[in-house]
């Protein structure tokens, strides 16, 4: 399939600013590619960090955009090493040769080309010279703030789920696999699914209300993220979800957790009895929060 429009960006968070690029590309052409560049972190010496969107979850998000926007959207990539030293003109020539590009879509803050010498003004002239159209998209501003991946990482680091939902247009989703834990939750009468091998960045420790999706279906979930200070010192960070209404064994199955609201920070309790009482209160509040969230019509996906 020929994709005549190419949107340029990191697309690391697939947030509303990235969706706006896809939307404008879809208006300008019958289909749009989201073009990112692999190997940037290694070449530029950036500190390694977990992605904001799990690799295994990207197709779901892009598919939801397609359904909402009504145009085909595909993700593509080029090695950063291939394009790093190209002039703006050479880069456009590459896009035409490899992707049959007719429309280029960028944000207002675009900088690219050798030594980042090309901005939207220069890019517009270069596109015109090659018979291509340039579409420049304004930043998306929500609650007075420009939506950005860095801002969303900061929100995640403080457990600010409303800011994440506003910037992503969906709840933040952790993706992992159910692994065996120490069985403490089951011993307290509150069994949990231990989300292991997580594929994206953990939020701030605390207790969250949200949804859990496993092959058996989607369930309201009270989710604890932390080191369980009440039961021991120096424990590794764990993500555990109590699936309301679910009974069964889901070990080794994929687990998706959509976080709607942070109910409280992690706490140390004086006894397991105090901890158990608090968990039951967390479950009660989780029901209330999820019901209120469902009333907004914003689906977990």
Protein backbone atom coordinates (compact mmCIF):
# COMPACT_ATOMS: atom_id res chain seq x y z
CA UNK A 1 0.00 0.00 0.00
CA UNK A 2 1.35 3.40 -0.96
CA UNK A 3 1.37 5.84 1.97
CA UNK A 4 1.63 9.34 0.50
CA UNK A 5 1.78 11.28 3.80
CA UNK A 6 4.67 10.89 6.25
CA UNK A 7 4.55 12.37 9.75
CA UNK A 8 7.95 12.86 11.40
CA UNK A 9 8.49 12.48 15.14
CA UNK A 10 9.74 10.29 17.97
CA UNK A 11 6.25 8.92 18.63
CA UNK A 12 7.55 7.53 21.90
CA UNK A 13 4.42 8.26 23.93
CA UNK A 14 1.77 8.15 21.19
CA UNK A 15 0.19 11.13 22.95
CA UNK A 16 -2.37 13.63 21.66
CA UNK A 17 0.31 15.73 19.99
CA UNK A 18 1.41 12.68 18.02
CA UNK A 19 -2.20 11.88 17.20
CA UNK A 20 -2.61 15.41 15.85
CA UNK A 21 0.22 14.74 13.38
CA UNK A 22 -1.57 11.58 12.25
CA UNK A 23 -4.88 13.43 11.97
CA UNK A 24 -3.45 16.22 9.79
CA UNK A 25 -1.65 13.66 7.66
CA UNK A 26 -4.92 11.81 7.16
CA UNK A 27 -6.62 15.01 6.07
CA UNK A 28 -3.90 15.72 3.52
CA UNK A 29 -3.70 12.22 2.03
CA UNK A 30 -5.48 8.89 1.94
CA UNK A 31 -3.10 7.32 4.46
CA UNK A 32 -0.27 8.37 6.75
CA UNK A 33 2.96 6.84 8.03
CA UNK A 34 4.31 7.67 11.48
CA UNK A 35 8.05 7.74 10.78
CA UNK A 36 10.49 7.50 13.67
CA UNK A 37 14.21 6.78 13.83
CA UNK A 38 15.85 3.84 15.54
CA UNK A 39 19.14 3.95 17.41
CA UNK A 40 18.97 7.62 18.41
CA UNK A 41 19.55 7.00 22.12
CA UNK A 42 22.63 4.88 21.53
CA UNK A 43 24.19 7.22 18.98
CA UNK A 44 23.46 10.40 20.95
CA UNK A 45 24.43 8.89 24.29
CA UNK A 46 21.05 9.27 25.96
CA UNK A 47 20.49 7.45 29.22
CA UNK A 48 18.54 4.22 28.65
CA UNK A 49 14.99 4.28 29.99
CA UNK A 50 11.83 2.29 29.69
CA UNK A 51 9.37 3.43 27.00
CA UNK A 52 6.10 5.14 27.81
CA UNK A 53 4.24 2.76 25.51
CA UNK A 54 5.07 -0.93 25.59
CA UNK A 55 6.24 -2.28 22.25
CA UNK A 56 3.49 -4.88 22.42
CA UNK A 57 0.84 -2.20 22.95
CA UNK A 58 1.61 0.21 20.12
CA UNK A 59 -0.51 -1.57 17.53
CA UNK A 60 -3.58 -1.32 19.79
CA UNK A 61 -3.16 2.45 20.19
CA UNK A 62 -2.55 3.06 16.48
CA UNK A 63 -5.55 0.89 15.62
CA UNK A 64 -7.75 3.00 17.91
CA UNK A 65 -6.52 6.14 16.10
CA UNK A 66 -7.36 4.58 12.75
CA UNK A 67 -10.88 3.81 13.87
CA UNK A 68 -11.38 7.32 15.27
CA UNK A 69 -9.79 9.21 12.37
CA UNK A 70 -11.04 7.01 9.56
CA UNK A 71 -7.75 6.65 7.68
CA UNK A 72 -5.02 4.00 7.48
CA UNK A 73 -2.08 4.68 9.80
CA UNK A 74 1.14 2.65 9.78
CA UNK A 75 4.30 2.90 11.85
CA UNK A 76 7.61 2.93 10.03
CA UNK A 77 11.18 3.58 11.02
CA UNK A 78 14.57 4.38 9.56
CA UNK A 79 17.97 3.98 11.22
CA UNK A 80 19.09 7.28 12.73
CA UNK A 81 22.61 6.48 11.53
CA UNK A 82 21.28 6.55 7.97
CA UNK A 83 19.75 10.02 8.17
CA UNK A 84 21.87 11.80 10.78
CA UNK A 85 24.28 13.44 8.37
CA UNK A 86 21.87 14.00 5.49
CA UNK A 87 21.05 17.49 4.31
CA UNK A 88 17.39 18.44 4.26
CA UNK A 89 17.27 17.98 0.50
CA UNK A 90 18.90 14.55 0.69
CA UNK A 91 16.49 13.49 3.40
CA UNK A 92 13.47 14.46 1.30
CA UNK A 93 14.95 12.62 -1.65
CA UNK A 94 15.24 9.55 0.58
CA UNK A 95 11.59 9.86 1.63
CA UNK A 96 10.47 10.05 -1.97
CA UNK A 97 12.63 7.11 -3.04
CA UNK A 98 11.76 4.77 -0.17
CA UNK A 99 8.25 5.81 0.82
CA UNK A 100 6.88 7.63 -2.27
CA UNK A 101 6.21 10.58 0.02
CA UNK A 102 4.03 13.40 -1.29
CA UNK A 103 3.12 15.14 2.00
CA UNK A 104 5.42 15.76 4.98
CA UNK A 105 3.80 16.46 8.36
CA UNK A 106 5.78 18.00 11.24
CA UNK A 107 5.22 19.92 14.45
CA UNK A 108 5.98 23.63 14.74
CA UNK A 109 9.15 22.88 16.73
CA UNK A 110 10.62 20.56 14.09
CA UNK A 111 14.40 20.64 13.68
CA UNK A 112 16.26 18.16 11.50
CA UNK A 113 18.89 17.64 8.88
CA UNK A 114 22.63 17.77 9.41
CA UNK A 115 23.42 19.68 12.63
CA UNK A 116 19.67 20.27 13.06
CA UNK A 117 19.96 23.05 10.50
CA UNK A 118 16.49 22.63 9.01
CA UNK A 119 13.39 24.10 10.65
CA UNK A 120 9.89 24.45 9.27
CA UNK A 121 10.81 27.50 7.16
CA UNK A 122 13.70 25.76 5.44
CA UNK A 123 11.75 22.51 5.16
CA UNK A 124 8.87 24.29 3.46
CA UNK A 125 11.16 25.67 0.75
CA UNK A 126 12.82 22.29 0.25
CA UNK A 127 9.46 20.51 -0.04
CA UNK A 128 8.20 23.03 -2.60
CA UNK A 129 11.35 22.55 -4.68
CA UNK A 130 10.70 18.82 -4.84
CA UNK A 131 6.97 19.07 -5.53
CA UNK A 132 6.03 17.99 -2.03
CA UNK A 133 3.57 19.53 0.38
CA UNK A 134 4.50 20.47 3.94
CA UNK A 135 1.90 20.45 6.71
CA UNK A 136 2.92 22.13 9.99
CA UNK A 137 0.88 21.18 13.07
CA UNK A 138 0.49 23.42 16.12
CA UNK A 139 1.20 21.96 19.57
CA UNK A 140 -1.69 20.39 21.44
CA UNK A 141 -2.40 22.29 24.65
CA UNK A 142 -4.40 20.66 27.45
CA UNK A 143 -5.20 22.40 30.72
CA UNK A 144 -2.84 25.22 29.77
CA UNK A 145 0.16 22.96 29.12
CA UNK A 146 1.65 21.76 25.86
CA UNK A 147 1.41 17.98 25.64
CA UNK A 148 4.92 16.49 25.50
CA UNK A 149 6.59 13.18 26.25
CA UNK A 150 8.84 14.79 28.86
CA UNK A 151 5.84 16.30 30.63
CA UNK A 152 4.07 12.96 30.62
CA UNK A 153 7.13 11.23 32.09
CA UNK A 154 7.14 13.78 34.88
CA UNK A 155 3.44 13.19 35.50
CA UNK A 156 4.06 9.44 35.60
CA UNK A 157 6.88 9.95 38.10
CA UNK A 158 4.51 11.69 40.51
CA UNK A 159 1.56 9.38 39.85
CA UNK A 160 -0.55 12.11 38.28
CA UNK A 161 -3.03 9.96 36.37
CA UNK A 162 -5.41 12.82 35.41
CA UNK A 163 -2.53 14.61 33.64
CA UNK A 164 -1.57 11.40 31.86
CA UNK A 165 -5.13 10.69 30.74
CA UNK A 166 -5.46 14.26 29.48
CA UNK A 167 -2.20 14.10 27.54
CA UNK A 168 -2.54 10.56 26.19
CA UNK A 169 -6.27 10.61 25.53
CA UNK A 170 -6.45 7.25 27.33
CA UNK A 171 -5.40 5.73 30.66
CA UNK A 172 -1.75 4.82 31.07
CA UNK A 173 -1.28 1.10 30.38
CA UNK A 174 1.36 -1.15 31.93
CA UNK A 175 1.96 -4.36 30.01
CA UNK A 176 3.50 -7.48 31.51
CA UNK A 177 3.01 -11.15 32.35
CA UNK A 178 1.47 -12.73 35.43
CA UNK A 179 4.14 -14.41 37.54
CA UNK A 180 4.00 -16.24 40.85
CA UNK A 181 4.53 -14.01 43.86
CA UNK A 182 4.93 -14.92 47.52
CA UNK A 183 1.21 -15.67 47.92
CA UNK A 184 0.76 -13.11 50.69
CA UNK A 185 -2.32 -11.57 49.13
CA UNK A 186 -4.04 -14.93 48.89
CA UNK A 187 -3.17 -15.65 52.54
CA UNK A 188 -4.95 -12.39 53.47
CA UNK A 189 -8.00 -13.39 51.45
CA UNK A 190 -7.19 -10.82 48.75
CA UNK A 191 -5.44 -12.69 45.90
CA UNK A 192 -3.43 -10.63 43.44
CA UNK A 193 -1.91 -11.05 40.00
CA UNK A 194 1.79 -10.19 40.06
CA UNK A 195 2.63 -8.20 36.91
CA UNK A 196 6.16 -9.23 35.99
CA UNK A 197 8.42 -8.60 32.96
CA UNK A 198 6.88 -5.16 32.51
CA UNK A 199 7.56 -3.60 29.14
CA UNK A 200 7.20 0.09 29.95
CA UNK A 201 7.90 2.64 32.64
CA UNK A 202 6.43 2.14 36.11
CA UNK A 203 4.55 5.04 37.69
CA UNK A 204 5.21 6.41 41.16
CA UNK A 205 4.69 3.87 43.94
CA UNK A 206 1.23 3.83 45.45
CA UNK A 207 -2.21 2.29 45.18
CA UNK A 208 -4.15 2.84 41.97
CA UNK A 209 -7.68 2.24 40.76
CA UNK A 210 -7.98 0.92 37.24
CA UNK A 211 -8.66 -2.01 34.97
CA UNK A 212 -6.89 -5.33 34.42
CA UNK A 213 -7.15 -7.19 31.14
CA UNK A 214 -6.24 -10.87 30.89
CA UNK A 215 -7.33 -13.47 28.31
CA UNK A 216 -10.41 -14.19 30.45
CA UNK A 217 -11.63 -10.60 30.11
CA UNK A 218 -11.39 -7.10 31.60
CA UNK A 219 -11.91 -6.52 35.32
CA UNK A 220 -11.95 -3.58 37.69
CA UNK A 221 -8.67 -3.73 39.60
CA UNK A 222 -7.08 -2.32 42.74
CA UNK A 223 -3.39 -2.07 41.85
CA UNK A 224 -0.49 -1.76 44.27
CA UNK A 225 2.89 -0.55 43.04
CA UNK A 226 5.69 -0.55 45.59
CA UNK A 227 8.11 -2.42 47.80
CA UNK A 228 5.66 -3.65 50.44
CA UNK A 229 7.36 -1.96 53.42
CA UNK A 230 4.90 -3.49 55.91
CA UNK A 231 6.08 -7.04 55.21
CA UNK A 232 9.83 -6.55 54.77
CA UNK A 233 12.77 -4.31 54.04
CA UNK A 234 14.64 -3.88 50.75
CA UNK A 235 12.06 -5.68 48.65
CA UNK A 236 12.13 -5.19 44.87
CA UNK A 237 9.46 -3.00 43.29
CA UNK A 238 6.38 -5.09 42.60
CA UNK A 239 3.16 -4.42 40.70
CA UNK A 240 0.21 -6.44 41.98
CA UNK A 241 -3.42 -6.24 40.95
CA UNK A 242 -6.49 -7.54 42.75
CA UNK A 243 -9.05 -8.31 40.04
CA UNK A 244 -12.51 -7.69 41.42
CA UNK A 245 -14.89 -10.54 40.60
CA UNK A 246 -12.22 -12.80 39.08
CA UNK A 247 -11.58 -16.29 40.39
CA UNK A 248 -9.04 -18.50 38.72
CA UNK A 249 -5.41 -19.06 37.83
CA UNK A 250 -3.85 -16.66 35.32
CA UNK A 251 -0.16 -17.47 35.80
CA UNK A 252 2.06 -16.91 32.75
CA UNK A 253 -0.72 -15.07 30.94
CA UNK A 254 -0.39 -11.55 29.50
CA UNK A 255 -1.64 -8.79 31.81
CA UNK A 256 -2.52 -5.22 30.87
CA UNK A 257 -3.17 -2.68 33.64
CA UNK A 258 -4.91 0.60 32.80
CA UNK A 259 -4.31 3.09 35.61
CA UNK A 260 -7.15 5.56 36.19
CA UNK A 261 -6.36 7.25 39.50
CA UNK A 262 -3.77 7.10 42.26
CA UNK A 263 -5.66 6.54 45.50
CA UNK A 264 -2.79 7.03 47.93
CA UNK A 265 0.99 6.81 48.25
CA UNK A 266 2.68 3.67 49.53
CA UNK A 267 2.50 3.34 53.32
CA UNK A 268 3.98 1.25 56.10
CA UNK A 269 1.38 -0.16 58.50
CA UNK A 270 1.86 -1.32 62.08
CA UNK A 271 0.39 -4.77 61.47
CA UNK A 272 -0.99 -7.04 58.78
CA UNK A 273 -4.46 -6.44 60.26
CA UNK A 274 -4.11 -2.69 59.63
CA UNK A 275 -2.81 -3.40 56.12
CA UNK A 276 -5.73 -5.73 55.36
CA UNK A 277 -8.27 -3.17 56.56
CA UNK A 278 -6.68 -0.52 54.35
CA UNK A 279 -6.70 -2.83 51.32
CA UNK A 280 -10.42 -3.41 51.76
CA UNK A 281 -10.92 0.35 51.86
CA UNK A 282 -8.77 0.69 48.72
CA UNK A 283 -11.00 -1.85 46.98
CA UNK A 284 -14.12 0.08 48.00
CA UNK A 285 -12.65 3.32 46.66
CA UNK A 286 -11.51 1.56 43.49
CA UNK A 287 -15.10 0.60 42.70
CA UNK A 288 -16.20 4.21 43.15
CA UNK A 289 -13.40 5.65 41.01
CA UNK A 290 -13.85 3.15 38.19
CA UNK A 291 -17.61 3.68 38.11
CA UNK A 292 -17.07 7.45 37.88
CA UNK A 293 -14.47 6.95 35.16
CA UNK A 294 -16.79 4.69 33.16
CA UNK A 295 -19.43 7.42 33.28
CA UNK A 296 -17.09 9.75 31.37
CA UNK A 297 -17.21 7.42 28.35
CA UNK A 298 -13.41 7.32 28.07
CA UNK A 299 -12.53 3.71 27.28
CA UNK A 300 -9.43 2.13 28.81
CA UNK A 301 -7.92 1.74 25.34
